[in-house]
Amino acid sequence: GKTEEEINRTVLWKKARELKIGGYDADVKTIVDKIVSFIN
């Protein structure tokens, strides 16, 4: 229910690289962990 302006770019980056079975490739997972750590 969010507007386009409310969607964070980091959310898009993560969603775009998520595997169909869930999770991420090893290289992508490293960046995702850094994103999560920074946001928190």
PDB file of all heavy atoms in Angstrom:
ATOM      1  N   GLY A   1       0.805  -1.216   0.000  1.00  0.00           N
ATOM      2  CA  GLY A   1       0.000   0.000   0.000  1.00  0.00           C
ATOM      3  C   GLY A   1       0.838   1.265   0.000  1.00  0.00           C
ATOM      4  O   GLY A   1       0.303   2.378   0.090  1.00  0.00           O
ATOM      5  N   LYS A   2       2.155   1.110  -0.119  1.00  0.00           N
ATOM      6  CA  LYS A   2       3.036   2.269  -0.128  1.00  0.00           C
ATOM      7  C   LYS A   2       3.035   2.933  -1.496  1.00  0.00           C
ATOM      8  O   LYS A   2       2.725   2.309  -2.508  1.00  0.00           O
ATOM      9  CB  LYS A   2       4.467   1.858   0.225  1.00  0.00           C
ATOM     10  CG  LYS A   2       4.666   1.376   1.651  1.00  0.00           C
ATOM     11  CD  LYS A   2       6.136   1.059   1.901  1.00  0.00           C
ATOM     12  CE  LYS A   2       6.369   0.636   3.337  1.00  0.00           C
ATOM     13  NZ  LYS A   2       7.804   0.327   3.589  1.00  0.00           N
ATOM     14  N   THR A   3       3.399   4.211  -1.518  1.00  0.00           N
ATOM     15  CA  THR A   3       3.575   4.906  -2.787  1.00  0.00           C
ATOM     16  C   THR A   3       4.983   4.634  -3.293  1.00  0.00           C
ATOM     17  O   THR A   3       5.842   4.135  -2.552  1.00  0.00           O
ATOM     18  CB  THR A   3       3.384   6.422  -2.616  1.00  0.00           C
ATOM     19  OG1 THR A   3       4.418   6.924  -1.747  1.00  0.00           O
ATOM     20  CG2 THR A   3       2.018   6.739  -2.022  1.00  0.00           C
ATOM     21  N   GLU A   4       5.221   4.979  -4.535  1.00  0.00           N
ATOM     22  CA  GLU A   4       6.544   4.741  -5.104  1.00  0.00           C
ATOM     23  C   GLU A   4       7.623   5.491  -4.347  1.00  0.00           C
ATOM     24  O   GLU A   4       8.730   4.977  -4.148  1.00  0.00           O
ATOM     25  CB  GLU A   4       6.538   5.168  -6.582  1.00  0.00           C
ATOM     26  CG  GLU A   4       7.849   4.881  -7.299  1.00  0.00           C
ATOM     27  CD  GLU A   4       7.788   5.224  -8.774  1.00  0.00           C
ATOM     28  OE1 GLU A   4       6.658   5.404  -9.290  1.00  0.00           O
ATOM     29  OE2 GLU A   4       8.855   5.335  -9.404  1.00  0.00           O
ATOM     30  N   GLU A   5       7.306   6.711  -3.900  1.00  0.00           N
ATOM     31  CA  GLU A   5       8.291   7.513  -3.176  1.00  0.00           C
ATOM     32  C   GLU A   5       8.637   6.913  -1.816  1.00  0.00           C
ATOM     33  O   GLU A   5       9.714   7.175  -1.274  1.00  0.00           O
ATOM     34  CB  GLU A   5       7.756   8.945  -2.972  1.00  0.00           C
ATOM     35  CG  GLU A   5       7.618   9.756  -4.255  1.00  0.00           C
ATOM     36  CD  GLU A   5       6.380   9.398  -5.052  1.00  0.00           C
ATOM     37  OE1 GLU A   5       5.564   8.583  -4.549  1.00  0.00           O
ATOM     38  OE2 GLU A   5       6.224   9.906  -6.173  1.00  0.00           O
ATOM     39  N   GLU A   6       7.748   6.100  -1.260  1.00  0.00           N
ATOM     40  CA  GLU A   6       7.971   5.521   0.068  1.00  0.00           C
ATOM     41  C   GLU A   6       8.788   4.235   0.031  1.00  0.00           C
ATOM     42  O   GLU A   6       9.186   3.726   1.071  1.00  0.00           O
ATOM     43  CB  GLU A   6       6.621   5.243   0.742  1.00  0.00           C
ATOM     44  CG  GLU A   6       5.813   6.491   1.068  1.00  0.00           C
ATOM     45  CD  GLU A   6       4.432   6.159   1.606  1.00  0.00           C
ATOM     46  OE1 GLU A   6       3.827   5.159   1.147  1.00  0.00           O
ATOM     47  OE2 GLU A   6       3.946   6.898   2.493  1.00  0.00           O
ATOM     48  N   ILE A   7       9.021   3.711  -1.147  1.00  0.00           N
ATOM     49  CA  ILE A   7       9.771   2.457  -1.272  1.00  0.00           C
ATOM     50  C   ILE A   7      11.261   2.759  -1.310  1.00  0.00           C
ATOM     51  O   ILE A   7      11.758   3.413  -2.225  1.00  0.00           O
ATOM     52  CB  ILE A   7       9.358   1.685  -2.535  1.00  0.00           C
ATOM     53  CG1 ILE A   7       7.864   1.381  -2.510  1.00  0.00           C
ATOM     54  CG2 ILE A   7      10.157   0.390  -2.655  1.00  0.00           C
ATOM     55  CD1 ILE A   7       7.353   0.726  -3.772  1.00  0.00           C
ATOM     56  N   ASN A   8      11.979   2.255  -0.330  1.00  0.00           N
ATOM     57  CA  ASN A   8      13.414   2.508  -0.225  1.00  0.00           C
ATOM     58  C   ASN A   8      14.173   1.749  -1.314  1.00  0.00           C
ATOM     59  O   ASN A   8      13.844   0.617  -1.651  1.00  0.00           O
ATOM     60  CB  ASN A   8      13.909   2.062   1.155  1.00  0.00           C
ATOM     61  CG  ASN A   8      15.318   2.564   1.442  1.00  0.00           C
ATOM     62  OD1 ASN A   8      16.286   2.077   0.888  1.00  0.00           O
ATOM     63  ND2 ASN A   8      15.414   3.556   2.326  1.00  0.00           N
ATOM     64  N   ARG A   9      15.212   2.382  -1.849  1.00  0.00           N
ATOM     65  CA  ARG A   9      15.997   1.755  -2.914  1.00  0.00           C
ATOM     66  C   ARG A   9      16.694   0.480  -2.454  1.00  0.00           C
ATOM     67  O   ARG A   9      16.949  -0.428  -3.247  1.00  0.00           O
ATOM     68  CB  ARG A   9      17.033   2.740  -3.452  1.00  0.00           C
ATOM     69  CG  ARG A   9      16.446   3.834  -4.326  1.00  0.00           C
ATOM     70  CD  ARG A   9      17.540   4.631  -5.003  1.00  0.00           C
ATOM     71  NE  ARG A   9      18.443   5.241  -4.038  1.00  0.00           N
ATOM     72  CZ  ARG A   9      19.575   5.875  -4.384  1.00  0.00           C
ATOM     73  NH1 ARG A   9      19.920   5.953  -5.646  1.00  0.00           N
ATOM     74  NH2 ARG A   9      20.337   6.418  -3.445  1.00  0.00           N
ATOM     75  N   THR A  10      17.050   0.426  -1.159  1.00  0.00           N
ATOM     76  CA  THR A  10      17.693  -0.784  -0.657  1.00  0.00           C
ATOM     77  C   THR A  10      16.741  -1.970  -0.684  1.00  0.00           C
ATOM     78  O   THR A  10      17.155  -3.115  -0.887  1.00  0.00           O
ATOM     79  CB  THR A  10      18.197  -0.571   0.777  1.00  0.00           C
ATOM     80  OG1 THR A  10      17.095  -0.202   1.624  1.00  0.00           O
ATOM     81  CG2 THR A  10      19.249   0.515   0.823  1.00  0.00           C
ATOM     82  N   VAL A  11      15.438  -1.703  -0.485  1.00  0.00           N
ATOM     83  CA  VAL A  11      14.436  -2.770  -0.563  1.00  0.00           C
ATOM     84  C   VAL A  11      14.377  -3.309  -1.987  1.00  0.00           C
ATOM     85  O   VAL A  11      14.332  -4.523  -2.213  1.00  0.00           O
ATOM     86  CB  VAL A  11      13.049  -2.240  -0.133  1.00  0.00           C
ATOM     87  CG1 VAL A  11      11.974  -3.306  -0.372  1.00  0.00           C
ATOM     88  CG2 VAL A  11      13.069  -1.830   1.326  1.00  0.00           C
ATOM     89  N   LEU A  12      14.396  -2.406  -2.948  1.00  0.00           N
ATOM     90  CA  LEU A  12      14.365  -2.816  -4.352  1.00  0.00           C
ATOM     91  C   LEU A  12      15.597  -3.640  -4.708  1.00  0.00           C
ATOM     92  O   LEU A  12      15.503  -4.657  -5.397  1.00  0.00           O
ATOM     93  CB  LEU A  12      14.281  -1.579  -5.253  1.00  0.00           C
ATOM     94  CG  LEU A  12      13.014  -0.735  -5.149  1.00  0.00           C
ATOM     95  CD1 LEU A  12      13.129   0.490  -6.052  1.00  0.00           C
ATOM     96  CD2 LEU A  12      11.787  -1.563  -5.539  1.00  0.00           C
ATOM     97  N   TRP A  13      16.757  -3.194  -4.250  1.00  0.00           N
ATOM     98  CA  TRP A  13      18.002  -3.898  -4.568  1.00  0.00           C
ATOM     99  C   TRP A  13      17.961  -5.322  -4.042  1.00  0.00           C
ATOM    100  O   TRP A  13      18.348  -6.269  -4.718  1.00  0.00           O
ATOM    101  CB  TRP A  13      19.184  -3.142  -3.963  1.00  0.00           C
ATOM    102  CG  TRP A  13      20.514  -3.548  -4.536  1.00  0.00           C
ATOM    103  CD1 TRP A  13      21.156  -2.988  -5.597  1.00  0.00           C
ATOM    104  CD2 TRP A  13      21.353  -4.623  -4.071  1.00  0.00           C
ATOM    105  NE1 TRP A  13      22.339  -3.644  -5.829  1.00  0.00           N
ATOM    106  CE2 TRP A  13      22.492  -4.646  -4.909  1.00  0.00           C
ATOM    107  CE3 TRP A  13      21.250  -5.553  -3.040  1.00  0.00           C
ATOM    108  CZ2 TRP A  13      23.519  -5.564  -4.743  1.00  0.00           C
ATOM    109  CZ3 TRP A  13      22.265  -6.477  -2.869  1.00  0.00           C
ATOM    110  CH2 TRP A  13      23.396  -6.482  -3.707  1.00  0.00           C
ATOM    111  N   LYS A  14      17.501  -5.480  -2.809  1.00  0.00           N
ATOM    112  CA  LYS A  14      17.430  -6.814  -2.203  1.00  0.00           C
ATOM    113  C   LYS A  14      16.416  -7.696  -2.914  1.00  0.00           C
ATOM    114  O   LYS A  14      16.708  -8.851  -3.262  1.00  0.00           O
ATOM    115  CB  LYS A  14      17.052  -6.696  -0.728  1.00  0.00           C
ATOM    116  CG  LYS A  14      18.143  -6.145   0.173  1.00  0.00           C
ATOM    117  CD  LYS A  14      17.631  -5.971   1.598  1.00  0.00           C
ATOM    118  CE  LYS A  14      16.998  -7.226   2.130  1.00  0.00           C
ATOM    119  NZ  LYS A  14      16.444  -7.049   3.491  1.00  0.00           N
ATOM    120  N   LYS A  15      15.218  -7.170  -3.127  1.00  0.00           N
ATOM    121  CA  LYS A  15      14.152  -7.947  -3.763  1.00  0.00           C
ATOM    122  C   LYS A  15      14.544  -8.393  -5.165  1.00  0.00           C
ATOM    123  O   LYS A  15      14.211  -9.493  -5.599  1.00  0.00           O
ATOM    124  CB  LYS A  15      12.875  -7.114  -3.828  1.00  0.00           C
ATOM    125  CG  LYS A  15      12.126  -6.973  -2.518  1.00  0.00           C
ATOM    126  CD  LYS A  15      11.391  -8.256  -2.165  1.00  0.00           C
ATOM    127  CE  LYS A  15      10.496  -8.075  -0.959  1.00  0.00           C
ATOM    128  NZ  LYS A  15       9.784  -9.336  -0.608  1.00  0.00           N
ATOM    129  N   ALA A  16      15.245  -7.533  -5.874  1.00  0.00           N
ATOM    130  CA  ALA A  16      15.612  -7.822  -7.255  1.00  0.00           C
ATOM    131  C   ALA A  16      16.596  -8.981  -7.364  1.00  0.00           C
ATOM    132  O   ALA A  16      16.680  -9.630  -8.405  1.00  0.00           O
ATOM    133  CB  ALA A  16      16.210  -6.578  -7.911  1.00  0.00           C
ATOM    134  N   ARG A  17      17.320  -9.257  -6.293  1.00  0.00           N
ATOM    135  CA  ARG A  17      18.354 -10.290  -6.335  1.00  0.00           C
ATOM    136  C   ARG A  17      18.036 -11.503  -5.461  1.00  0.00           C
ATOM    137  O   ARG A  17      18.874 -12.369  -5.275  1.00  0.00           O
ATOM    138  CB  ARG A  17      19.688  -9.662  -5.928  1.00  0.00           C
ATOM    139  CG  ARG A  17      20.200  -8.717  -6.990  1.00  0.00           C
ATOM    140  CD  ARG A  17      21.160  -7.672  -6.479  1.00  0.00           C
ATOM    141  NE  ARG A  17      21.571  -6.795  -7.575  1.00  0.00           N
ATOM    142  CZ  ARG A  17      20.830  -5.779  -8.024  1.00  0.00           C
ATOM    143  NH1 ARG A  17      19.671  -5.498  -7.448  1.00  0.00           N
ATOM    144  NH2 ARG A  17      21.244  -5.048  -9.047  1.00  0.00           N
ATOM    145  N   GLU A  18      16.828 -11.560  -4.979  1.00  0.00           N
ATOM    146  CA  GLU A  18      16.414 -12.688  -4.154  1.00  0.00           C
ATOM    147  C   GLU A  18      16.155 -13.923  -5.021  1.00  0.00           C
ATOM    148  O   GLU A  18      15.551 -13.830  -6.095  1.00  0.00           O
ATOM    149  CB  GLU A  18      15.142 -12.330  -3.389  1.00  0.00           C
ATOM    150  CG  GLU A  18      14.751 -13.357  -2.338  1.00  0.00           C
ATOM    151  CD  GLU A  18      13.577 -12.870  -1.508  1.00  0.00           C
ATOM    152  OE1 GLU A  18      13.060 -11.770  -1.785  1.00  0.00           O
ATOM    153  OE2 GLU A  18      13.186 -13.597  -0.572  1.00  0.00           O
ATOM    154  N   LEU A  19      16.636 -15.077  -4.568  1.00  0.00           N
ATOM    155  CA  LEU A  19      16.434 -16.321  -5.306  1.00  0.00           C
ATOM    156  C   LEU A  19      14.978 -16.764  -5.223  1.00  0.00           C
ATOM    157  O   LEU A  19      14.270 -16.426  -4.268  1.00  0.00           O
ATOM    158  CB  LEU A  19      17.335 -17.419  -4.735  1.00  0.00           C
ATOM    159  CG  LEU A  19      18.844 -17.155  -4.769  1.00  0.00           C
ATOM    160  CD1 LEU A  19      19.579 -18.260  -4.021  1.00  0.00           C
ATOM    161  CD2 LEU A  19      19.332 -17.055  -6.199  1.00  0.00           C
ATOM    162  N   LYS A  20      14.530 -17.518  -6.206  1.00  0.00           N
ATOM    163  CA  LYS A  20      13.153 -18.000  -6.208  1.00  0.00           C
ATOM    164  C   LYS A  20      12.863 -18.881  -5.001  1.00  0.00           C
ATOM    165  O   LYS A  20      11.742 -18.925  -4.505  1.00  0.00           O
ATOM    166  CB  LYS A  20      12.873 -18.770  -7.500  1.00  0.00           C
ATOM    167  CG  LYS A  20      12.826 -17.906  -8.742  1.00  0.00           C
ATOM    168  CD  LYS A  20      12.473 -18.726  -9.969  1.00  0.00           C
ATOM    169  CE  LYS A  20      12.379 -17.850 -11.209  1.00  0.00           C
ATOM    170  NZ  LYS A  20      12.037 -18.637 -12.419  1.00  0.00           N
ATOM    171  N   ILE A  21      13.884 -19.606  -4.527  1.00  0.00           N
ATOM    172  CA  ILE A  21      13.711 -20.497  -3.382  1.00  0.00           C
ATOM    173  C   ILE A  21      13.951 -19.753  -2.070  1.00  0.00           C
ATOM    174  O   ILE A  21      13.908 -20.345  -0.997  1.00  0.00           O
ATOM    175  CB  ILE A  21      14.671 -21.701  -3.476  1.00  0.00           C
ATOM    176  CG1 ILE A  21      16.125 -21.231  -3.517  1.00  0.00           C
ATOM    177  CG2 ILE A  21      14.340 -22.547  -4.687  1.00  0.00           C
ATOM    178  CD1 ILE A  21      17.140 -22.372  -3.488  1.00  0.00           C
ATOM    179  N   GLY A  22      14.211 -18.453  -2.172  1.00  0.00           N
ATOM    180  CA  GLY A  22      14.503 -17.667  -0.981  1.00  0.00           C
ATOM    181  C   GLY A  22      15.997 -17.539  -0.756  1.00  0.00           C
ATOM    182  O   GLY A  22      16.788 -18.359  -1.225  1.00  0.00           O
ATOM    183  N   GLY A  23      16.401 -16.509  -0.053  1.00  0.00           N
ATOM    184  CA  GLY A  23      17.816 -16.305   0.219  1.00  0.00           C
ATOM    185  C   GLY A  23      18.531 -15.640  -0.948  1.00  0.00           C
ATOM    186  O   GLY A  23      17.908 -15.200  -1.922  1.00  0.00           O
ATOM    187  N   TYR A  24      19.866 -15.611  -0.866  1.00  0.00           N
ATOM    188  CA  TYR A  24      20.662 -14.915  -1.867  1.00  0.00           C
ATOM    189  C   TYR A  24      21.925 -15.710  -2.186  1.00  0.00           C
ATOM    190  O   TYR A  24      22.345 -16.577  -1.425  1.00  0.00           O
ATOM    191  CB  TYR A  24      21.073 -13.532  -1.353  1.00  0.00           C
ATOM    192  CG  TYR A  24      19.930 -12.671  -0.879  1.00  0.00           C
ATOM    193  CD1 TYR A  24      19.531 -12.692   0.459  1.00  0.00           C
ATOM    194  CD2 TYR A  24      19.252 -11.841  -1.759  1.00  0.00           C
ATOM    195  CE1 TYR A  24      18.474 -11.904   0.904  1.00  0.00           C
ATOM    196  CE2 TYR A  24      18.197 -11.050  -1.322  1.00  0.00           C
ATOM    197  CZ  TYR A  24      17.811 -11.093   0.008  1.00  0.00           C
ATOM    198  OH  TYR A  24      16.762 -10.318   0.445  1.00  0.00           O
ATOM    199  N   ASP A  25      22.520 -15.384  -3.336  1.00  0.00           N
ATOM    200  CA  ASP A  25      23.839 -15.916  -3.637  1.00  0.00           C
ATOM    201  C   ASP A  25      24.827 -15.364  -2.613  1.00  0.00           C
ATOM    202  O   ASP A  25      24.580 -14.326  -1.993  1.00  0.00           O
ATOM    203  CB  ASP A  25      24.286 -15.508  -5.044  1.00  0.00           C
ATOM    204  CG  ASP A  25      23.509 -16.248  -6.130  1.00  0.00           C
ATOM    205  OD1 ASP A  25      23.087 -17.380  -5.870  1.00  0.00           O
ATOM    206  OD2 ASP A  25      23.337 -15.673  -7.222  1.00  0.00           O
ATOM    207  N   ALA A  26      25.961 -16.037  -2.462  1.00  0.00           N
ATOM    208  CA  ALA A  26      26.933 -15.655  -1.428  1.00  0.00           C
ATOM    209  C   ALA A  26      27.383 -14.201  -1.562  1.00  0.00           C
ATOM    210  O   ALA A  26      27.434 -13.464  -0.571  1.00  0.00           O
ATOM    211  CB  ALA A  26      28.140 -16.592  -1.495  1.00  0.00           C
ATOM    212  N   ASP A  27      27.727 -13.777  -2.775  1.00  0.00           N
ATOM    213  CA  ASP A  27      28.200 -12.400  -2.975  1.00  0.00           C
ATOM    214  C   ASP A  27      27.115 -11.385  -2.642  1.00  0.00           C
ATOM    215  O   ASP A  27      27.373 -10.349  -2.026  1.00  0.00           O
ATOM    216  CB  ASP A  27      28.674 -12.201  -4.418  1.00  0.00           C
ATOM    217  CG  ASP A  27      29.943 -12.968  -4.726  1.00  0.00           C
ATOM    218  OD1 ASP A  27      30.795 -13.070  -3.820  1.00  0.00           O
ATOM    219  OD2 ASP A  27      30.084 -13.466  -5.851  1.00  0.00           O
ATOM    220  N   VAL A  28      25.889 -11.680  -3.066  1.00  0.00           N
ATOM    221  CA  VAL A  28      24.768 -10.778  -2.792  1.00  0.00           C
ATOM    222  C   VAL A  28      24.471 -10.747  -1.300  1.00  0.00           C
ATOM    223  O   VAL A  28      24.181  -9.692  -0.736  1.00  0.00           O
ATOM    224  CB  VAL A  28      23.512 -11.215  -3.574  1.00  0.00           C
ATOM    225  CG1 VAL A  28      22.305 -10.351  -3.203  1.00  0.00           C
ATOM    226  CG2 VAL A  28      23.775 -11.126  -5.075  1.00  0.00           C
ATOM    227  N   LYS A  29      24.550 -11.910  -0.638  1.00  0.00           N
ATOM    228  CA  LYS A  29      24.261 -12.005   0.795  1.00  0.00           C
ATOM    229  C   LYS A  29      25.196 -11.098   1.599  1.00  0.00           C
ATOM    230  O   LYS A  29      24.785 -10.485   2.599  1.00  0.00           O
ATOM    231  CB  LYS A  29      24.434 -13.448   1.258  1.00  0.00           C
ATOM    232  CG  LYS A  29      24.120 -13.697   2.733  1.00  0.00           C
ATOM    233  CD  LYS A  29      22.652 -13.447   3.036  1.00  0.00           C
ATOM    234  CE  LYS A  29      22.247 -14.023   4.378  1.00  0.00           C
ATOM    235  NZ  LYS A  29      23.065 -13.564   5.508  1.00  0.00           N
ATOM    236  N   THR A  30      26.437 -10.989   1.166  1.00  0.00           N
ATOM    237  CA  THR A  30      27.393 -10.121   1.853  1.00  0.00           C
ATOM    238  C   THR A  30      26.921  -8.671   1.839  1.00  0.00           C
ATOM    239  O   THR A  30      26.970  -7.967   2.857  1.00  0.00           O
ATOM    240  CB  THR A  30      28.779 -10.214   1.192  1.00  0.00           C
ATOM    241  OG1 THR A  30      29.241 -11.568   1.261  1.00  0.00           O
ATOM    242  CG2 THR A  30      29.774  -9.292   1.896  1.00  0.00           C
ATOM    243  N   ILE A  31      26.445  -8.216   0.689  1.00  0.00           N
ATOM    244  CA  ILE A  31      25.963  -6.839   0.565  1.00  0.00           C
ATOM    245  C   ILE A  31      24.668  -6.654   1.347  1.00  0.00           C
ATOM    246  O   ILE A  31      24.467  -5.625   2.007  1.00  0.00           O
ATOM    247  CB  ILE A  31      25.749  -6.474  -0.912  1.00  0.00           C
ATOM    248  CG1 ILE A  31      27.044  -6.662  -1.698  1.00  0.00           C
ATOM    249  CG2 ILE A  31      25.243  -5.045  -1.038  1.00  0.00           C
ATOM    250  CD1 ILE A  31      28.186  -5.815  -1.200  1.00  0.00           C
ATOM    251  N   VAL A  32      23.777  -7.648   1.291  1.00  0.00           N
ATOM    252  CA  VAL A  32      22.512  -7.568   2.021  1.00  0.00           C
ATOM    253  C   VAL A  32      22.764  -7.436   3.515  1.00  0.00           C
ATOM    254  O   VAL A  32      22.115  -6.636   4.201  1.00  0.00           O
ATOM    255  CB  VAL A  32      21.635  -8.808   1.731  1.00  0.00           C
ATOM    256  CG1 VAL A  32      20.436  -8.859   2.689  1.00  0.00           C
ATOM    257  CG2 VAL A  32      21.156  -8.796   0.292  1.00  0.00           C
ATOM    258  N   ASP A  33      23.708  -8.206   4.027  1.00  0.00           N
ATOM    259  CA  ASP A  33      24.033  -8.134   5.453  1.00  0.00           C
ATOM    260  C   ASP A  33      24.544  -6.739   5.828  1.00  0.00           C
ATOM    261  O   ASP A  33      24.224  -6.213   6.904  1.00  0.00           O
ATOM    262  CB  ASP A  33      25.092  -9.179   5.808  1.00  0.00           C
ATOM    263  CG  ASP A  33      24.532 -10.594   5.780  1.00  0.00           C
ATOM    264  OD1 ASP A  33      23.296 -10.743   5.799  1.00  0.00           O
ATOM    265  OD2 ASP A  33      25.335 -11.548   5.711  1.00  0.00           O
ATOM    266  N   LYS A  34      25.329  -6.130   4.942  1.00  0.00           N
ATOM    267  CA  LYS A  34      25.831  -4.787   5.204  1.00  0.00           C
ATOM    268  C   LYS A  34      24.691  -3.772   5.202  1.00  0.00           C
ATOM    269  O   LYS A  34      24.675  -2.839   6.007  1.00  0.00           O
ATOM    270  CB  LYS A  34      26.871  -4.408   4.151  1.00  0.00           C
ATOM    271  CG  LYS A  34      28.187  -5.173   4.272  1.00  0.00           C
ATOM    272  CD  LYS A  34      29.181  -4.719   3.224  1.00  0.00           C
ATOM    273  CE  LYS A  34      30.507  -5.471   3.372  1.00  0.00           C
ATOM    274  NZ  LYS A  34      31.493  -5.046   2.342  1.00  0.00           N
ATOM    275  N   ILE A  35      23.740  -3.963   4.290  1.00  0.00           N
ATOM    276  CA  ILE A  35      22.584  -3.069   4.224  1.00  0.00           C
ATOM    277  C   ILE A  35      21.770  -3.162   5.506  1.00  0.00           C
ATOM    278  O   ILE A  35      21.385  -2.153   6.105  1.00  0.00           O
ATOM    279  CB  ILE A  35      21.696  -3.404   3.010  1.00  0.00           C
ATOM    280  CG1 ILE A  35      22.421  -3.067   1.715  1.00  0.00           C
ATOM    281  CG2 ILE A  35      20.365  -2.661   3.075  1.00  0.00           C
ATOM    282  CD1 ILE A  35      21.688  -3.500   0.466  1.00  0.00           C
ATOM    283  N   VAL A  36      21.507  -4.383   5.937  1.00  0.00           N
ATOM    284  CA  VAL A  36      20.735  -4.609   7.153  1.00  0.00           C
ATOM    285  C   VAL A  36      21.438  -3.996   8.357  1.00  0.00           C
ATOM    286  O   VAL A  36      20.824  -3.326   9.195  1.00  0.00           O
ATOM    287  CB  VAL A  36      20.513  -6.123   7.383  1.00  0.00           C
ATOM    288  CG1 VAL A  36      19.889  -6.366   8.756  1.00  0.00           C
ATOM    289  CG2 VAL A  36      19.636  -6.709   6.297  1.00  0.00           C
ATOM    290  N   SER A  37      22.754  -4.218   8.433  1.00  0.00           N
ATOM    291  CA  SER A  37      23.529  -3.681   9.555  1.00  0.00           C
ATOM    292  C   SER A  37      23.476  -2.158   9.572  1.00  0.00           C
ATOM    293  O   SER A  37      23.298  -1.539  10.632  1.00  0.00           O
ATOM    294  CB  SER A  37      24.978  -4.155   9.446  1.00  0.00           C
ATOM    295  OG  SER A  37      25.769  -3.607  10.485  1.00  0.00           O
ATOM    296  N   PHE A  38      23.603  -1.542   8.403  1.00  0.00           N
ATOM    297  CA  PHE A  38      23.589  -0.080   8.336  1.00  0.00           C
ATOM    298  C   PHE A  38      22.215   0.469   8.721  1.00  0.00           C
ATOM    299  O   PHE A  38      22.115   1.422   9.499  1.00  0.00           O
ATOM    300  CB  PHE A  38      23.951   0.368   6.922  1.00  0.00           C
ATOM    301  CG  PHE A  38      23.847   1.854   6.731  1.00  0.00           C
ATOM    302  CD1 PHE A  38      24.838   2.692   7.208  1.00  0.00           C
ATOM    303  CD2 PHE A  38      22.751   2.405   6.090  1.00  0.00           C
ATOM    304  CE1 PHE A  38      24.744   4.073   7.047  1.00  0.00           C
ATOM    305  CE2 PHE A  38      22.651   3.774   5.919  1.00  0.00           C
ATOM    306  CZ  PHE A  38      23.645   4.613   6.393  1.00  0.00           C
ATOM    307  N   ILE A  39      21.154  -0.128   8.177  1.00  0.00           N
ATOM    308  CA  ILE A  39      19.799   0.341   8.481  1.00  0.00           C
ATOM    309  C   ILE A  39      19.517   0.234   9.969  1.00  0.00           C
ATOM    310  O   ILE A  39      18.977   1.153  10.600  1.00  0.00           O
ATOM    311  CB  ILE A  39      18.752  -0.457   7.696  1.00  0.00           C
ATOM    312  CG1 ILE A  39      18.891  -0.184   6.196  1.00  0.00           C
ATOM    313  CG2 ILE A  39      17.340  -0.104   8.159  1.00  0.00           C
ATOM    314  CD1 ILE A  39      18.612   1.243   5.794  1.00  0.00           C
ATOM    315  N   ASN A  40      19.889  -0.869  10.565  1.00  0.00           N
ATOM    316  CA  ASN A  40      19.645  -1.068  11.987  1.00  0.00           C
ATOM    317  C   ASN A  40      20.445  -0.086  12.842  1.00  0.00           C
ATOM    318  O   ASN A  40      19.967   0.403  13.869  1.00  0.00           O
ATOM    319  CB  ASN A  40      19.997  -2.504  12.390  1.00  0.00           C
ATOM    320  CG  ASN A  40      18.963  -3.491  11.907  1.00  0.00           C
ATOM    321  OD1 ASN A  40      17.792  -3.150  11.759  1.00  0.00           O
ATOM    322  ND2 ASN A  40      19.382  -4.707  11.624  1.00  0.00           N
TER     323      ASN A  40
END
